Amino acid sequence: MGQEKYRTLEEINGQAQRLRQAGDTKALYELAEDCGLEKSDVEDYLADVGDFATPLMAAVGRLKQEGKRLKLEGGLLDWLETVMDMACDDEALQAAILEKSLCGLFSRLLQTAFEGKVRVSDEIVNQTKVRVGGDLKPLQIPLYMGCPNRRQVKKTVTDYYLGGGE
């Protein structure tokens, strides 16, 4: 199924309601898994504790699922956590996360990283060795690198999700 099929909270909760009315508990658990929700969320829903998903649950679930699908690691996970942190207090962002792909955001962040690259001091580069095939090798000069800082990541997240345009 995949959560990307559901572009709004209403669609997710509507599908959950249809499955519940049909008595299809197994499909409810599958929907929760697809949406990045916990089994306990289904149990709460079945016990009439609340909606199947809140806006924040749906947004964070989507981000987790897409992050897993994209196999994010290292600094990319830091970017993902920044998006999740931002979503905690922003209902418009929560809704927008369901409408746009995380891949599109990360494409913009990668572009920002490359366009913002700076030359690393030769002194630092000369002192640095990296493992290649089991051996430590020196880096080549000049070396350029780029990585957006937290402020740039937040601006890119806001522009991408809330600024209109893919």
C-alpha atoms as a PDB file:
ATOM      1  CA  MET A   1       0.000   0.000   0.000  1.00  0.00           C
ATOM      2  CA  GLY A   2       2.505   2.641   1.132  1.00  0.00           C
ATOM      3  CA  GLN A   3       1.741   5.852   2.981  1.00  0.00           C
ATOM      4  CA  GLU A   4       2.666   7.984  -0.030  1.00  0.00           C
ATOM      5  CA  LYS A   5      -0.729   6.877  -1.355  1.00  0.00           C
ATOM      6  CA  TYR A   6      -2.280   9.049   1.367  1.00  0.00           C
ATOM      7  CA  ARG A   7      -1.600  12.748   0.858  1.00  0.00           C
ATOM      8  CA  THR A   8      -3.736  14.044   3.719  1.00  0.00           C
ATOM      9  CA  LEU A   9      -4.512  13.136   7.301  1.00  0.00           C
ATOM     10  CA  GLU A  10      -8.170  12.828   6.323  1.00  0.00           C
ATOM     11  CA  GLU A  11      -7.307  10.129   3.767  1.00  0.00           C
ATOM     12  CA  ILE A  12      -5.311   8.155   6.346  1.00  0.00           C
ATOM     13  CA  ASN A  13      -7.992   8.397   9.035  1.00  0.00           C
ATOM     14  CA  GLY A  14     -10.739   7.740   6.473  1.00  0.00           C
ATOM     15  CA  GLN A  15      -9.052   4.526   5.359  1.00  0.00           C
ATOM     16  CA  ALA A  16      -8.613   3.492   8.987  1.00  0.00           C
ATOM     17  CA  GLN A  17     -12.305   4.134   9.637  1.00  0.00           C
ATOM     18  CA  ARG A  18     -13.322   2.026   6.607  1.00  0.00           C
ATOM     19  CA  LEU A  19     -11.087  -0.830   7.733  1.00  0.00           C
ATOM     20  CA  ARG A  20     -12.413  -0.629  11.278  1.00  0.00           C
ATOM     21  CA  GLN A  21     -16.021  -0.661  10.089  1.00  0.00           C
ATOM     22  CA  ALA A  22     -15.216  -3.685   7.927  1.00  0.00           C
ATOM     23  CA  GLY A  23     -13.709  -5.397  10.981  1.00  0.00           C
ATOM     24  CA  ASP A  24     -10.359  -5.792   9.203  1.00  0.00           C
ATOM     25  CA  THR A  25      -7.989  -5.483  12.158  1.00  0.00           C
ATOM     26  CA  LYS A  26      -5.106  -7.071  10.250  1.00  0.00           C
ATOM     27  CA  ALA A  27      -5.367  -4.404   7.538  1.00  0.00           C
ATOM     28  CA  LEU A  28      -5.423  -1.700  10.240  1.00  0.00           C
ATOM     29  CA  TYR A  29      -2.093  -2.955  11.577  1.00  0.00           C
ATOM     30  CA  GLU A  30      -0.733  -3.029   8.014  1.00  0.00           C
ATOM     31  CA  LEU A  31      -1.934   0.535   7.457  1.00  0.00           C
ATOM     32  CA  ALA A  32      -0.212   1.615  10.664  1.00  0.00           C
ATOM     33  CA  GLU A  33       3.025  -0.027   9.557  1.00  0.00           C
ATOM     34  CA  ASP A  34       2.769   1.595   6.122  1.00  0.00           C
ATOM     35  CA  CYS A  35       2.214   4.962   7.794  1.00  0.00           C
ATOM     36  CA  GLY A  36       5.084   4.605  10.264  1.00  0.00           C
ATOM     37  CA  LEU A  37       2.731   4.313  13.236  1.00  0.00           C
ATOM     38  CA  GLU A  38       3.106   2.006  16.223  1.00  0.00           C
ATOM     39  CA  LYS A  39       1.023  -1.075  17.020  1.00  0.00           C
ATOM     40  CA  SER A  40      -0.078   0.707  20.183  1.00  0.00           C
ATOM     41  CA  ASP A  41      -1.616   3.427  17.997  1.00  0.00           C
ATOM     42  CA  VAL A  42      -3.887   0.802  16.432  1.00  0.00           C
ATOM     43  CA  GLU A  43      -4.748  -0.603  19.846  1.00  0.00           C
ATOM     44  CA  ASP A  44      -5.657   2.882  21.095  1.00  0.00           C
ATOM     45  CA  TYR A  45      -7.777   3.486  18.007  1.00  0.00           C
ATOM     46  CA  LEU A  46      -9.602   0.188  18.422  1.00  0.00           C
ATOM     47  CA  ALA A  47     -10.233   1.066  22.084  1.00  0.00           C
ATOM     48  CA  ASP A  48     -11.750   4.415  21.032  1.00  0.00           C
ATOM     49  CA  VAL A  49      -8.933   6.405  22.638  1.00  0.00           C
ATOM     50  CA  GLY A  50      -8.688   8.803  19.686  1.00  0.00           C
ATOM     51  CA  ASP A  51      -8.188   9.128  15.973  1.00  0.00           C
ATOM     52  CA  PHE A  52      -6.077   6.589  14.139  1.00  0.00           C
ATOM     53  CA  ALA A  53      -3.462   9.270  13.478  1.00  0.00           C
ATOM     54  CA  THR A  54      -2.937  12.858  14.609  1.00  0.00           C
ATOM     55  CA  PRO A  55      -1.313  15.377  12.260  1.00  0.00           C
ATOM     56  CA  LEU A  56       2.038  15.015  14.038  1.00  0.00           C
ATOM     57  CA  MET A  57       1.867  11.195  14.109  1.00  0.00           C
ATOM     58  CA  ALA A  58       1.145  11.095  10.374  1.00  0.00           C
ATOM     59  CA  ALA A  59       3.930  13.537   9.518  1.00  0.00           C
ATOM     60  CA  VAL A  60       6.599  11.870  11.659  1.00  0.00           C
ATOM     61  CA  GLY A  61       5.460   8.441  10.469  1.00  0.00           C
ATOM     62  CA  ARG A  62       5.802   9.547   6.849  1.00  0.00           C
ATOM     63  CA  LEU A  63       9.272  10.948   7.490  1.00  0.00           C
ATOM     64  CA  LYS A  64      10.394   7.751   9.224  1.00  0.00           C
ATOM     65  CA  GLN A  65       9.080   5.558   6.416  1.00  0.00           C
ATOM     66  CA  GLU A  66      10.649   7.677   3.687  1.00  0.00           C
ATOM     67  CA  GLY A  67      13.909   7.897   5.621  1.00  0.00           C
ATOM     68  CA  LYS A  68      13.975   4.119   5.872  1.00  0.00           C
ATOM     69  CA  ARG A  69      13.163   3.713   2.160  1.00  0.00           C
ATOM     70  CA  LEU A  70      15.912   6.183   1.215  1.00  0.00           C
ATOM     71  CA  LYS A  71      18.368   4.365   3.545  1.00  0.00           C
ATOM     72  CA  LEU A  72      19.439   7.571   5.272  1.00  0.00           C
ATOM     73  CA  GLU A  73      22.549   7.420   7.427  1.00  0.00           C
ATOM     74  CA  GLY A  74      25.007   9.776   9.118  1.00  0.00           C
ATOM     75  CA  GLY A  75      24.465  13.475   8.532  1.00  0.00           C
ATOM     76  CA  LEU A  76      21.375  12.742   6.457  1.00  0.00           C
ATOM     77  CA  LEU A  77      19.724  11.394   9.611  1.00  0.00           C
ATOM     78  CA  ASP A  78      20.566  14.708  11.306  1.00  0.00           C
ATOM     79  CA  TRP A  79      18.702  16.511   8.514  1.00  0.00           C
ATOM     80  CA  LEU A  80      15.751  14.151   8.978  1.00  0.00           C
ATOM     81  CA  GLU A  81      15.688  14.784  12.740  1.00  0.00           C
ATOM     82  CA  THR A  82      15.727  18.530  12.073  1.00  0.00           C
ATOM     83  CA  VAL A  83      12.616  18.168   9.901  1.00  0.00           C
ATOM     84  CA  MET A  84      10.920  16.092  12.619  1.00  0.00           C
ATOM     85  CA  ASP A  85      11.808  18.682  15.269  1.00  0.00           C
ATOM     86  CA  MET A  86      10.416  21.476  13.127  1.00  0.00           C
ATOM     87  CA  ALA A  87       7.191  19.543  12.523  1.00  0.00           C
ATOM     88  CA  CYS A  88       6.481  19.210  16.254  1.00  0.00           C
ATOM     89  CA  ASP A  89       5.178  22.765  16.551  1.00  0.00           C
ATOM     90  CA  ASP A  90       3.997  23.545  13.021  1.00  0.00           C
ATOM     91  CA  GLU A  91       0.651  22.195  11.837  1.00  0.00           C
ATOM     92  CA  ALA A  92       1.092  23.602   8.328  1.00  0.00           C
ATOM     93  CA  LEU A  93       4.403  21.760   8.034  1.00  0.00           C
ATOM     94  CA  GLN A  94       2.812  18.555   9.332  1.00  0.00           C
ATOM     95  CA  ALA A  95       0.221  18.705   6.555  1.00  0.00           C
ATOM     96  CA  ALA A  96       2.778  19.615   3.886  1.00  0.00           C
ATOM     97  CA  ILE A  97       4.992  16.654   4.800  1.00  0.00           C
ATOM     98  CA  LEU A  98       2.184  14.348   3.671  1.00  0.00           C
ATOM     99  CA  GLU A  99       1.939  16.134   0.327  1.00  0.00           C
ATOM    100  CA  LYS A 100       5.587  16.292  -0.742  1.00  0.00           C
ATOM    101  CA  SER A 101       8.384  13.763  -0.880  1.00  0.00           C
ATOM    102  CA  LEU A 102      11.328  13.702   1.476  1.00  0.00           C
ATOM    103  CA  CYS A 103      13.479  12.817  -1.531  1.00  0.00           C
ATOM    104  CA  GLY A 104      12.658  16.195  -3.092  1.00  0.00           C
ATOM    105  CA  LEU A 105      13.695  17.986   0.089  1.00  0.00           C
ATOM    106  CA  PHE A 106      16.948  16.062   0.338  1.00  0.00           C
ATOM    107  CA  SER A 107      17.667  16.831  -3.308  1.00  0.00           C
ATOM    108  CA  ARG A 108      17.450  20.534  -2.447  1.00  0.00           C
ATOM    109  CA  LEU A 109      19.637  20.063   0.628  1.00  0.00           C
ATOM    110  CA  LEU A 110      22.244  18.232  -1.433  1.00  0.00           C
ATOM    111  CA  GLN A 111      22.164  21.043  -3.983  1.00  0.00           C
ATOM    112  CA  THR A 112      22.682  23.545  -1.149  1.00  0.00           C
ATOM    113  CA  ALA A 113      25.621  21.492   0.115  1.00  0.00           C
ATOM    114  CA  PHE A 114      27.343  21.434  -3.266  1.00  0.00           C
ATOM    115  CA  GLU A 115      26.646  25.067  -4.071  1.00  0.00           C
ATOM    116  CA  GLY A 116      27.913  26.132  -0.630  1.00  0.00           C
ATOM    117  CA  LYS A 117      31.146  24.172  -0.723  1.00  0.00           C
ATOM    118  CA  VAL A 118      34.256  25.853   0.603  1.00  0.00           C
ATOM    119  CA  ARG A 119      37.927  25.079   0.320  1.00  0.00           C
ATOM    120  CA  VAL A 120      39.288  23.256   3.352  1.00  0.00           C
ATOM    121  CA  SER A 121      42.564  24.571   4.737  1.00  0.00           C
ATOM    122  CA  ASP A 122      45.570  22.824   3.170  1.00  0.00           C
ATOM    123  CA  GLU A 123      46.957  22.348   6.680  1.00  0.00           C
ATOM    124  CA  ILE A 124      43.885  20.335   7.678  1.00  0.00           C
ATOM    125  CA  VAL A 125      43.883  18.353   4.427  1.00  0.00           C
ATOM    126  CA  ASN A 126      47.601  17.525   4.743  1.00  0.00           C
ATOM    127  CA  GLN A 127      47.031  16.158   8.239  1.00  0.00           C
ATOM    128  CA  THR A 128      44.012  14.045   7.212  1.00  0.00           C
ATOM    129  CA  LYS A 129      44.214  10.469   6.047  1.00  0.00           C
ATOM    130  CA  VAL A 130      41.254   8.317   4.940  1.00  0.00           C
ATOM    131  CA  ARG A 131      40.924   4.576   4.732  1.00  0.00           C
ATOM    132  CA  VAL A 132      40.913   3.306   1.134  1.00  0.00           C
ATOM    133  CA  GLY A 133      40.893  -0.451   0.657  1.00  0.00           C
ATOM    134  CA  GLY A 134      42.166  -0.961   4.190  1.00  0.00           C
ATOM    135  CA  ASP A 135      45.095   1.470   3.862  1.00  0.00           C
ATOM    136  CA  LEU A 136      45.298   5.017   5.174  1.00  0.00           C
ATOM    137  CA  LYS A 137      45.868   7.438   2.282  1.00  0.00           C
ATOM    138  CA  PRO A 138      46.393  11.211   2.249  1.00  0.00           C
ATOM    139  CA  LEU A 139      43.771  13.448   0.695  1.00  0.00           C
ATOM    140  CA  GLN A 140      44.504  15.522  -2.396  1.00  0.00           C
ATOM    141  CA  ILE A 141      44.811  19.298  -2.343  1.00  0.00           C
ATOM    142  CA  PRO A 142      42.746  21.322  -3.004  1.00  0.00           C
ATOM    143  CA  LEU A 143      39.795  19.791  -1.182  1.00  0.00           C
ATOM    144  CA  TYR A 144      36.347  21.371  -1.143  1.00  0.00           C
ATOM    145  CA  MET A 145      33.397  20.335   0.943  1.00  0.00           C
ATOM    146  CA  GLY A 146      29.985  21.635   1.761  1.00  0.00           C
ATOM    147  CA  CYS A 147      27.296  20.884   4.262  1.00  0.00           C
ATOM    148  CA  PRO A 148      24.444  23.233   5.081  1.00  0.00           C
ATOM    149  CA  ASN A 149      24.301  24.373   8.676  1.00  0.00           C
ATOM    150  CA  ARG A 150      21.166  23.951  10.794  1.00  0.00           C
ATOM    151  CA  ARG A 151      19.865  27.423   9.869  1.00  0.00           C
ATOM    152  CA  GLN A 152      20.225  26.661   6.146  1.00  0.00           C
ATOM    153  CA  VAL A 153      18.550  23.267   6.611  1.00  0.00           C
ATOM    154  CA  LYS A 154      15.601  24.891   8.403  1.00  0.00           C
ATOM    155  CA  LYS A 155      15.250  27.534   5.686  1.00  0.00           C
ATOM    156  CA  THR A 156      15.349  24.891   2.958  1.00  0.00           C
ATOM    157  CA  VAL A 157      12.756  22.775   4.803  1.00  0.00           C
ATOM    158  CA  THR A 158      10.440  25.776   5.141  1.00  0.00           C
ATOM    159  CA  ASP A 159      10.926  26.852   1.517  1.00  0.00           C
ATOM    160  CA  TYR A 160      10.394  23.348   0.179  1.00  0.00           C
ATOM    161  CA  TYR A 161       7.367  22.323   2.191  1.00  0.00           C
ATOM    162  CA  LEU A 162       5.641  25.665   2.736  1.00  0.00           C
ATOM    163  CA  GLY A 163       7.006  27.909  -0.011  1.00  0.00           C
ATOM    164  CA  GLY A 164       4.979  26.393  -2.841  1.00  0.00           C
ATOM    165  CA  GLY A 165       6.743  24.598  -5.655  1.00  0.00           C
ATOM    166  CA  GLU A 166       8.330  21.199  -5.854  1.00  0.00           C
END
